[in-house]
Amino acid sequence: MPNRSSVAVAVRGAVTQDEAEHVRDAVGPEISALGHPVEQARVRLTRYGGRDLPMLVVAQVNVVVADRMVRSQLAASGADEAIDGAAAGLRWRLHRLGRRLAAERSGDILGLSPAGWRPVLLPSPPTGLLPVRERPRKLVRSKSCRLAVQDVDAAAFTMELRDYPFHLFSDDTTGAESVLYRGGPTGYRLLRTMAGPEPTGTSVPLTVRSWPAPVLPVAQAVETLNANPTRSFVFFTDPAIGRGRVLYRRYDGDLALLSPTW
């Protein structure tokens, strides 16, 4: 089981040795206290800003437990605040995963709810360093992944366990690319590339958008996100590939594109 010394720390930007050591002091006890083997523990500490930009430190913790990836991420103006906040989020998620693993062994099913999942004391991270309207943001990164085929409850569990602002997955009933995120009157909102009936038998309080995701070329999705500074992502069907994709804001304010592997 990883201890303090086995937590791998990667740094980017102007990060001091003391700040890197504080990562191990904050994260090591959390993973050591878990009653399950931890296969991997990695932390990335990044400092953005400088010159005329405000400073922002992002701490991201990734651990693998029972073949499940758990991630906690927090941004703050100081390194210690970011590290301690990410460690607190990790503690909460590891506890929730431990309950889930125990339930799986006993055959119980644990329901999910916004109140039971989201750590209400942890602030939401900012979307970027600069005001979005200061200049049009560019698409600087594209990545693809094999989408998990899931029902909505499983998608919610994955999203919260990995501290994602949204989760792109393949709906197990229709096969459509779908996005689950926090929002709407119930706490969770579901978007899909095709219209269809609302999922049944879910334990997650859910609002389903009744119309399909808009059909947009990537360039138009970039224009749409740049024109809406309060939005953190755009889910759309790309006519060039006929698949659902997500364009989202990075911490540095620029844009990234997430696509299903095809």
C-alpha atoms as a PDB file:
ATOM      1  CA  MET A   1       0.000   0.000   0.000  1.00  0.00           C
ATOM      2  CA  PRO A   2       1.523   3.372  -0.940  1.00  0.00           C
ATOM      3  CA  ASN A   3       2.804   5.525   1.902  1.00  0.00           C
ATOM      4  CA  ARG A   4       4.125   9.058   2.002  1.00  0.00           C
ATOM      5  CA  SER A   5       7.323   8.244   0.160  1.00  0.00           C
ATOM      6  CA  SER A   6       5.592   6.332  -2.628  1.00  0.00           C
ATOM      7  CA  VAL A   7       3.310   9.198  -3.682  1.00  0.00           C
ATOM      8  CA  ALA A   8       4.668  10.299  -7.055  1.00  0.00           C
ATOM      9  CA  VAL A   9       4.651  14.090  -7.413  1.00  0.00           C
ATOM     10  CA  ALA A  10       4.981  15.896 -10.746  1.00  0.00           C
ATOM     11  CA  VAL A  11       5.311  19.688 -10.821  1.00  0.00           C
ATOM     12  CA  ARG A  12       4.783  22.268 -13.535  1.00  0.00           C
ATOM     13  CA  GLY A  13       5.575  25.925 -13.312  1.00  0.00           C
ATOM     14  CA  ALA A  14       7.190  27.717 -10.369  1.00  0.00           C
ATOM     15  CA  VAL A  15       6.579  25.118  -7.638  1.00  0.00           C
ATOM     16  CA  THR A  16       8.972  25.026  -4.673  1.00  0.00           C
ATOM     17  CA  GLN A  17      10.456  21.924  -3.073  1.00  0.00           C
ATOM     18  CA  ASP A  18       8.590  22.681   0.174  1.00  0.00           C
ATOM     19  CA  GLU A  19       5.302  22.817  -1.712  1.00  0.00           C
ATOM     20  CA  ALA A  20       6.042  19.485  -3.373  1.00  0.00           C
ATOM     21  CA  GLU A  21       6.842  17.946   0.018  1.00  0.00           C
ATOM     22  CA  HIS A  22       3.587  19.291   1.440  1.00  0.00           C
ATOM     23  CA  VAL A  23       1.800  17.210  -1.188  1.00  0.00           C
ATOM     24  CA  ARG A  24       3.157  14.010   0.357  1.00  0.00           C
ATOM     25  CA  ASP A  25       2.341  15.200   3.880  1.00  0.00           C
ATOM     26  CA  ALA A  26      -1.268  15.927   2.894  1.00  0.00           C
ATOM     27  CA  VAL A  27      -1.995  13.005   0.568  1.00  0.00           C
ATOM     28  CA  GLY A  28       0.050  10.199   2.124  1.00  0.00           C
ATOM     29  CA  PRO A  29      -2.089   9.828   5.284  1.00  0.00           C
ATOM     30  CA  GLU A  30      -5.305   9.753   3.247  1.00  0.00           C
ATOM     31  CA  ILE A  31      -4.281   6.786   1.147  1.00  0.00           C
ATOM     32  CA  SER A  32      -2.578   5.042   4.075  1.00  0.00           C
ATOM     33  CA  ALA A  33      -5.840   5.180   6.043  1.00  0.00           C
ATOM     34  CA  LEU A  34      -7.803   3.420   3.305  1.00  0.00           C
ATOM     35  CA  GLY A  35      -8.653  -0.185   4.080  1.00  0.00           C
ATOM     36  CA  HIS A  36      -8.093  -1.324   0.494  1.00  0.00           C
ATOM     37  CA  PRO A  37      -4.933  -1.785  -1.574  1.00  0.00           C
ATOM     38  CA  VAL A  38      -3.947   1.311  -3.528  1.00  0.00           C
ATOM     39  CA  GLU A  39      -2.248   0.332  -6.758  1.00  0.00           C
ATOM     40  CA  GLN A  40      -1.080   3.792  -7.748  1.00  0.00           C
ATOM     41  CA  ALA A  41      -0.861   7.284  -6.269  1.00  0.00           C
ATOM     42  CA  ARG A  42       0.140  10.313  -8.341  1.00  0.00           C
ATOM     43  CA  VAL A  43      -0.138  14.051  -7.736  1.00  0.00           C
ATOM     44  CA  ARG A  44       0.319  16.846 -10.258  1.00  0.00           C
ATOM     45  CA  LEU A  45       0.935  20.337  -8.910  1.00  0.00           C
ATOM     46  CA  THR A  46       0.797  23.146 -11.459  1.00  0.00           C
ATOM     47  CA  ARG A  47       1.295  26.874 -10.984  1.00  0.00           C
ATOM     48  CA  TYR A  48      -0.215  29.083 -13.671  1.00  0.00           C
ATOM     49  CA  GLY A  49       0.118  32.831 -14.085  1.00  0.00           C
ATOM     50  CA  GLY A  50       2.919  35.302 -13.782  1.00  0.00           C
ATOM     51  CA  ARG A  51       3.646  38.654 -15.380  1.00  0.00           C
ATOM     52  CA  ASP A  52       0.282  40.406 -15.592  1.00  0.00           C
ATOM     53  CA  LEU A  53      -1.769  37.270 -14.829  1.00  0.00           C
ATOM     54  CA  PRO A  54      -3.083  36.312 -11.395  1.00  0.00           C
ATOM     55  CA  MET A  55      -1.416  33.292  -9.810  1.00  0.00           C
ATOM     56  CA  LEU A  56      -3.341  30.047  -9.698  1.00  0.00           C
ATOM     57  CA  VAL A  57      -2.201  26.692  -8.350  1.00  0.00           C
ATOM     58  CA  VAL A  58      -3.963  23.483  -9.388  1.00  0.00           C
ATOM     59  CA  ALA A  59      -3.457  20.308  -7.359  1.00  0.00           C
ATOM     60  CA  GLN A  60      -4.680  17.077  -8.941  1.00  0.00           C
ATOM     61  CA  VAL A  61      -4.504  13.766  -7.060  1.00  0.00           C
ATOM     62  CA  ASN A  62      -4.996  10.448  -8.867  1.00  0.00           C
ATOM     63  CA  VAL A  63      -5.110   7.072  -7.142  1.00  0.00           C
ATOM     64  CA  VAL A  64      -6.158   3.643  -8.366  1.00  0.00           C
ATOM     65  CA  VAL A  65      -8.094   1.447  -5.936  1.00  0.00           C
ATOM     66  CA  ALA A  66      -9.547  -1.946  -6.876  1.00  0.00           C
ATOM     67  CA  ASP A  67      -9.051  -1.075 -10.565  1.00  0.00           C
ATOM     68  CA  ARG A  68     -11.032   2.142 -10.106  1.00  0.00           C
ATOM     69  CA  MET A  69      -9.499   5.518 -10.762  1.00  0.00           C
ATOM     70  CA  VAL A  70     -10.194   8.154  -8.093  1.00  0.00           C
ATOM     71  CA  ARG A  71      -9.330  11.766  -8.783  1.00  0.00           C
ATOM     72  CA  SER A  72      -9.554  14.934  -6.726  1.00  0.00           C
ATOM     73  CA  GLN A  73      -8.650  18.352  -8.074  1.00  0.00           C
ATOM     74  CA  LEU A  74      -8.703  21.861  -6.666  1.00  0.00           C
ATOM     75  CA  ALA A  75      -7.502  25.274  -7.794  1.00  0.00           C
ATOM     76  CA  ALA A  76      -6.566  28.070  -5.407  1.00  0.00           C
ATOM     77  CA  SER A  77      -4.415  31.176  -5.243  1.00  0.00           C
ATOM     78  CA  GLY A  78      -1.884  29.390  -3.004  1.00  0.00           C
ATOM     79  CA  ALA A  79      -0.275  25.949  -3.185  1.00  0.00           C
ATOM     80  CA  ASP A  80      -1.092  24.857   0.381  1.00  0.00           C
ATOM     81  CA  GLU A  81      -4.765  25.730  -0.056  1.00  0.00           C
ATOM     82  CA  ALA A  82      -4.947  23.807  -3.337  1.00  0.00           C
ATOM     83  CA  ILE A  83      -3.125  20.784  -1.908  1.00  0.00           C
ATOM     84  CA  ASP A  84      -5.148  20.629   1.309  1.00  0.00           C
ATOM     85  CA  GLY A  85      -8.414  21.040  -0.589  1.00  0.00           C
ATOM     86  CA  ALA A  86      -7.530  18.289  -3.055  1.00  0.00           C
ATOM     87  CA  ALA A  87      -6.536  16.013  -0.173  1.00  0.00           C
ATOM     88  CA  ALA A  88      -9.860  16.681   1.571  1.00  0.00           C
ATOM     89  CA  GLY A  89     -11.727  15.839  -1.619  1.00  0.00           C
ATOM     90  CA  LEU A  90      -9.689  12.652  -1.948  1.00  0.00           C
ATOM     91  CA  ARG A  91     -10.567  11.635   1.609  1.00  0.00           C
ATOM     92  CA  TRP A  92     -14.258  12.057   0.913  1.00  0.00           C
ATOM     93  CA  ARG A  93     -14.109  10.121  -2.369  1.00  0.00           C
ATOM     94  CA  LEU A  94     -12.044   7.282  -0.950  1.00  0.00           C
ATOM     95  CA  HIS A  95     -14.545   6.960   1.891  1.00  0.00           C
ATOM     96  CA  ARG A  96     -17.402   6.845  -0.613  1.00  0.00           C
ATOM     97  CA  LEU A  97     -15.583   4.260  -2.708  1.00  0.00           C
ATOM     98  CA  GLY A  98     -14.899   2.178   0.389  1.00  0.00           C
ATOM     99  CA  ARG A  99     -18.618   2.122   1.136  1.00  0.00           C
ATOM    100  CA  ARG A 100     -19.345   1.116  -2.439  1.00  0.00           C
ATOM    101  CA  LEU A 101     -16.809  -1.729  -2.364  1.00  0.00           C
ATOM    102  CA  ALA A 102     -18.235  -2.999   0.914  1.00  0.00           C
ATOM    103  CA  ALA A 103     -21.742  -2.856  -0.570  1.00  0.00           C
ATOM    104  CA  GLU A 104     -20.633  -4.789  -3.633  1.00  0.00           C
ATOM    105  CA  ARG A 105     -19.187  -7.526  -1.453  1.00  0.00           C
ATOM    106  CA  SER A 106     -22.407  -7.796   0.560  1.00  0.00           C
ATOM    107  CA  GLY A 107     -24.729  -7.521  -2.444  1.00  0.00           C
ATOM    108  CA  ASP A 108     -26.286  -4.226  -1.333  1.00  0.00           C
ATOM    109  CA  ILE A 109     -26.948  -1.359  -3.761  1.00  0.00           C
ATOM    110  CA  LEU A 110     -26.064   2.150  -2.647  1.00  0.00           C
ATOM    111  CA  GLY A 111     -28.189   4.923  -4.080  1.00  0.00           C
ATOM    112  CA  LEU A 112     -26.707   8.173  -5.292  1.00  0.00           C
ATOM    113  CA  SER A 113     -27.977  11.674  -4.726  1.00  0.00           C
ATOM    114  CA  PRO A 114     -26.526  15.151  -5.131  1.00  0.00           C
ATOM    115  CA  ALA A 115     -26.665  15.723  -1.363  1.00  0.00           C
ATOM    116  CA  GLY A 116     -24.906  12.440  -0.710  1.00  0.00           C
ATOM    117  CA  TRP A 117     -22.228  12.966  -3.305  1.00  0.00           C
ATOM    118  CA  ARG A 118     -20.963  16.468  -3.834  1.00  0.00           C
ATOM    119  CA  PRO A 119     -18.639  17.749  -1.058  1.00  0.00           C
ATOM    120  CA  VAL A 120     -20.467  20.994  -0.322  1.00  0.00           C
ATOM    121  CA  LEU A 121     -17.531  22.559   1.549  1.00  0.00           C
ATOM    122  CA  LEU A 122     -15.128  22.318  -1.378  1.00  0.00           C
ATOM    123  CA  PRO A 123     -15.237  25.321  -3.726  1.00  0.00           C
ATOM    124  CA  SER A 124     -15.728  24.796  -7.407  1.00  0.00           C
ATOM    125  CA  PRO A 125     -12.580  25.572  -9.417  1.00  0.00           C
ATOM    126  CA  PRO A 126     -12.446  28.613 -11.681  1.00  0.00           C
ATOM    127  CA  THR A 127     -12.577  28.002 -15.402  1.00  0.00           C
ATOM    128  CA  GLY A 128      -9.505  30.009 -16.393  1.00  0.00           C
ATOM    129  CA  LEU A 129      -6.978  32.672 -15.606  1.00  0.00           C
ATOM    130  CA  LEU A 130      -8.253  35.438 -17.843  1.00  0.00           C
ATOM    131  CA  PRO A 131     -11.730  36.807 -18.450  1.00  0.00           C
ATOM    132  CA  VAL A 132     -13.136  34.828 -21.341  1.00  0.00           C
ATOM    133  CA  ARG A 133     -14.100  37.970 -23.251  1.00  0.00           C
ATOM    134  CA  GLU A 134     -10.570  39.383 -23.142  1.00  0.00           C
ATOM    135  CA  ARG A 135      -9.650  37.449 -26.289  1.00  0.00           C
ATOM    136  CA  PRO A 136     -11.090  34.541 -28.274  1.00  0.00           C
ATOM    137  CA  ARG A 137      -9.825  31.276 -26.857  1.00  0.00           C
ATOM    138  CA  LYS A 138      -8.166  28.714 -29.091  1.00  0.00           C
ATOM    139  CA  LEU A 139      -8.525  24.969 -29.298  1.00  0.00           C
ATOM    140  CA  VAL A 140      -5.140  23.828 -27.992  1.00  0.00           C
ATOM    141  CA  ARG A 141      -5.686  20.156 -27.196  1.00  0.00           C
ATOM    142  CA  SER A 142      -7.685  17.229 -28.537  1.00  0.00           C
ATOM    143  CA  LYS A 143      -7.968  13.864 -26.870  1.00  0.00           C
ATOM    144  CA  SER A 144     -10.067  10.773 -27.397  1.00  0.00           C
ATOM    145  CA  CYS A 145     -11.092   7.898 -25.187  1.00  0.00           C
ATOM    146  CA  ARG A 146     -13.090   4.714 -25.359  1.00  0.00           C
ATOM    147  CA  LEU A 147     -16.452   5.555 -23.843  1.00  0.00           C
ATOM    148  CA  ALA A 148     -17.796   3.424 -21.031  1.00  0.00           C
ATOM    149  CA  VAL A 149     -21.188   1.860 -21.757  1.00  0.00           C
ATOM    150  CA  GLN A 150     -23.155   2.777 -18.638  1.00  0.00           C
ATOM    151  CA  ASP A 151     -26.528   3.560 -17.172  1.00  0.00           C
ATOM    152  CA  VAL A 152     -27.037   6.953 -15.567  1.00  0.00           C
ATOM    153  CA  ASP A 153     -26.345   5.772 -12.005  1.00  0.00           C
ATOM    154  CA  ALA A 154     -23.011   4.284 -13.034  1.00  0.00           C
ATOM    155  CA  ALA A 155     -22.182   7.445 -14.970  1.00  0.00           C
ATOM    156  CA  ALA A 156     -22.913   9.561 -11.890  1.00  0.00           C
ATOM    157  CA  PHE A 157     -20.712   7.341  -9.748  1.00  0.00           C
ATOM    158  CA  THR A 158     -17.873   7.632 -12.257  1.00  0.00           C
ATOM    159  CA  MET A 159     -18.243  11.400 -12.596  1.00  0.00           C
ATOM    160  CA  GLU A 160     -18.191  12.054  -8.881  1.00  0.00           C
ATOM    161  CA  LEU A 161     -15.476   9.525  -8.079  1.00  0.00           C
ATOM    162  CA  ARG A 162     -13.211  11.179 -10.634  1.00  0.00           C
ATOM    163  CA  ASP A 163     -14.204  14.738  -9.726  1.00  0.00           C
ATOM    164  CA  TYR A 164     -15.258  15.520 -13.285  1.00  0.00           C
ATOM    165  CA  PRO A 165     -17.387  18.614 -14.048  1.00  0.00           C
ATOM    166  CA  PHE A 166     -19.079  16.455 -16.696  1.00  0.00           C
ATOM    167  CA  HIS A 167     -18.892  12.838 -17.854  1.00  0.00           C
ATOM    168  CA  LEU A 168     -19.039  11.700 -21.476  1.00  0.00           C
ATOM    169  CA  PHE A 169     -20.298   8.120 -21.810  1.00  0.00           C
ATOM    170  CA  SER A 170     -22.318   5.804 -24.041  1.00  0.00           C
ATOM    171  CA  ASP A 171     -25.903   5.265 -22.895  1.00  0.00           C
ATOM    172  CA  ASP A 172     -26.410   1.542 -22.279  1.00  0.00           C
ATOM    173  CA  THR A 173     -29.978   1.619 -23.647  1.00  0.00           C
ATOM    174  CA  THR A 174     -29.703   3.678 -26.836  1.00  0.00           C
ATOM    175  CA  GLY A 175     -25.952   3.585 -27.465  1.00  0.00           C
ATOM    176  CA  ALA A 176     -25.993   7.368 -27.919  1.00  0.00           C
ATOM    177  CA  GLU A 177     -23.119   9.533 -26.741  1.00  0.00           C
ATOM    178  CA  SER A 178     -24.368  11.237 -23.600  1.00  0.00           C
ATOM    179  CA  VAL A 179     -23.140  13.803 -21.107  1.00  0.00           C
ATOM    180  CA  LEU A 180     -24.056  13.939 -17.438  1.00  0.00           C
ATOM    181  CA  TYR A 181     -23.248  17.054 -15.439  1.00  0.00           C
ATOM    182  CA  ARG A 182     -24.320  18.915 -12.318  1.00  0.00           C
ATOM    183  CA  GLY A 183     -27.160  21.281 -13.073  1.00  0.00           C
ATOM    184  CA  GLY A 184     -30.864  21.693 -13.509  1.00  0.00           C
ATOM    185  CA  PRO A 185     -33.543  21.679 -10.817  1.00  0.00           C
ATOM    186  CA  THR A 186     -32.714  18.155  -9.619  1.00  0.00           C
ATOM    187  CA  GLY A 187     -28.942  18.472  -9.352  1.00  0.00           C
ATOM    188  CA  TYR A 188     -27.989  16.297 -12.328  1.00  0.00           C
ATOM    189  CA  ARG A 189     -28.730  16.914 -16.001  1.00  0.00           C
ATOM    190  CA  LEU A 190     -28.455  14.488 -18.913  1.00  0.00           C
ATOM    191  CA  LEU A 191     -27.729  15.496 -22.521  1.00  0.00           C
ATOM    192  CA  ARG A 192     -27.777  13.059 -25.431  1.00  0.00           C
ATOM    193  CA  THR A 193     -27.020  13.079 -29.144  1.00  0.00           C
ATOM    194  CA  MET A 194     -30.467  11.710 -29.900  1.00  0.00           C
ATOM    195  CA  ALA A 195     -33.885  12.293 -28.396  1.00  0.00           C
ATOM    196  CA  GLY A 196     -35.354   9.386 -26.481  1.00  0.00           C
ATOM    197  CA  PRO A 197     -37.380   8.361 -23.459  1.00  0.00           C
ATOM    198  CA  GLU A 198     -36.194   9.323 -20.006  1.00  0.00           C
ATOM    199  CA  PRO A 199     -34.181   6.624 -18.222  1.00  0.00           C
ATOM    200  CA  THR A 200     -36.211   4.559 -15.761  1.00  0.00           C
ATOM    201  CA  GLY A 201     -35.191   2.970 -12.501  1.00  0.00           C
ATOM    202  CA  THR A 202     -32.419   5.488 -11.769  1.00  0.00           C
ATOM    203  CA  SER A 203     -31.592   6.541  -8.229  1.00  0.00           C
ATOM    204  CA  VAL A 204     -29.967   9.808  -9.322  1.00  0.00           C
ATOM    205  CA  PRO A 205     -32.430  12.741  -9.341  1.00  0.00           C
ATOM    206  CA  LEU A 206     -32.290  13.614 -12.995  1.00  0.00           C
ATOM    207  CA  THR A 207     -33.380  16.256 -15.482  1.00  0.00           C
ATOM    208  CA  VAL A 208     -33.233  15.070 -19.104  1.00  0.00           C
ATOM    209  CA  ARG A 209     -33.022  17.531 -21.955  1.00  0.00           C
ATOM    210  CA  SER A 210     -35.705  16.404 -24.383  1.00  0.00           C
ATOM    211  CA  TRP A 211     -33.985  17.612 -27.576  1.00  0.00           C
ATOM    212  CA  PRO A 212     -30.742  16.197 -28.998  1.00  0.00           C
ATOM    213  CA  ALA A 213     -27.361  17.902 -28.865  1.00  0.00           C
ATOM    214  CA  PRO A 214     -26.876  20.501 -31.622  1.00  0.00           C
ATOM    215  CA  VAL A 215     -25.086  19.494 -34.810  1.00  0.00           C
ATOM    216  CA  LEU A 216     -22.019  21.732 -35.103  1.00  0.00           C
ATOM    217  CA  PRO A 217     -18.646  21.610 -36.808  1.00  0.00           C
ATOM    218  CA  VAL A 218     -15.781  22.027 -34.379  1.00  0.00           C
ATOM    219  CA  ALA A 219     -15.053  25.597 -35.502  1.00  0.00           C
ATOM    220  CA  GLN A 220     -18.632  26.623 -34.748  1.00  0.00           C
ATOM    221  CA  ALA A 221     -18.511  24.929 -31.348  1.00  0.00           C
ATOM    222  CA  VAL A 222     -15.423  27.039 -30.581  1.00  0.00           C
ATOM    223  CA  GLU A 223     -17.296  30.181 -31.611  1.00  0.00           C
ATOM    224  CA  THR A 224     -20.274  29.158 -29.477  1.00  0.00           C
ATOM    225  CA  LEU A 225     -18.182  28.652 -26.343  1.00  0.00           C
ATOM    226  CA  ASN A 226     -16.233  31.869 -26.881  1.00  0.00           C
ATOM    227  CA  ALA A 227     -19.529  33.743 -27.232  1.00  0.00           C
ATOM    228  CA  ASN A 228     -20.862  32.351 -23.928  1.00  0.00           C
ATOM    229  CA  PRO A 229     -18.367  33.145 -21.148  1.00  0.00           C
ATOM    230  CA  THR A 230     -20.531  31.599 -18.408  1.00  0.00           C
ATOM    231  CA  ARG A 231     -20.542  28.179 -20.070  1.00  0.00           C
ATOM    232  CA  SER A 232     -17.804  25.715 -19.203  1.00  0.00           C
ATOM    233  CA  PHE A 233     -18.441  23.281 -22.063  1.00  0.00           C
ATOM    234  CA  VAL A 234     -20.435  22.605 -25.228  1.00  0.00           C
ATOM    235  CA  PHE A 235     -21.729  19.125 -26.054  1.00  0.00           C
ATOM    236  CA  PHE A 236     -22.459  18.695 -29.749  1.00  0.00           C
ATOM    237  CA  THR A 237     -22.661  16.222 -32.605  1.00  0.00           C
ATOM    238  CA  ASP A 238     -19.850  16.754 -35.078  1.00  0.00           C
ATOM    239  CA  PRO A 239     -21.230  16.237 -38.617  1.00  0.00           C
ATOM    240  CA  ALA A 240     -17.756  15.307 -39.851  1.00  0.00           C
ATOM    241  CA  ILE A 241     -17.738  12.102 -37.793  1.00  0.00           C
ATOM    242  CA  GLY A 242     -21.385  11.715 -36.762  1.00  0.00           C
ATOM    243  CA  ARG A 243     -20.432  11.372 -33.087  1.00  0.00           C
ATOM    244  CA  GLY A 244     -20.916  13.403 -29.940  1.00  0.00           C
ATOM    245  CA  ARG A 245     -17.981  15.501 -28.719  1.00  0.00           C
ATOM    246  CA  VAL A 246     -17.362  17.901 -25.833  1.00  0.00           C
ATOM    247  CA  LEU A 247     -15.507  21.194 -26.159  1.00  0.00           C
ATOM    248  CA  TYR A 248     -14.533  22.520 -22.729  1.00  0.00           C
ATOM    249  CA  ARG A 249     -12.482  25.195 -20.988  1.00  0.00           C
ATOM    250  CA  ARG A 250      -9.112  24.348 -19.487  1.00  0.00           C
ATOM    251  CA  TYR A 251      -7.729  25.945 -16.333  1.00  0.00           C
ATOM    252  CA  ASP A 252      -5.554  28.264 -18.402  1.00  0.00           C
ATOM    253  CA  GLY A 253      -8.654  29.524 -20.219  1.00  0.00           C
ATOM    254  CA  ASP A 254      -7.965  27.870 -23.572  1.00  0.00           C
ATOM    255  CA  LEU A 255     -10.114  25.116 -25.031  1.00  0.00           C
ATOM    256  CA  ALA A 256      -9.823  21.337 -25.297  1.00  0.00           C
ATOM    257  CA  LEU A 257     -11.835  18.795 -27.260  1.00  0.00           C
ATOM    258  CA  LEU A 258     -12.885  15.398 -25.917  1.00  0.00           C
ATOM    259  CA  SER A 259     -14.017  12.795 -28.447  1.00  0.00           C
ATOM    260  CA  PRO A 260     -14.989   9.129 -28.423  1.00  0.00           C
ATOM    261  CA  THR A 261     -12.499   6.735 -29.937  1.00  0.00           C
ATOM    262  CA  TRP A 262     -13.650   5.640 -33.357  1.00  0.00           C
END
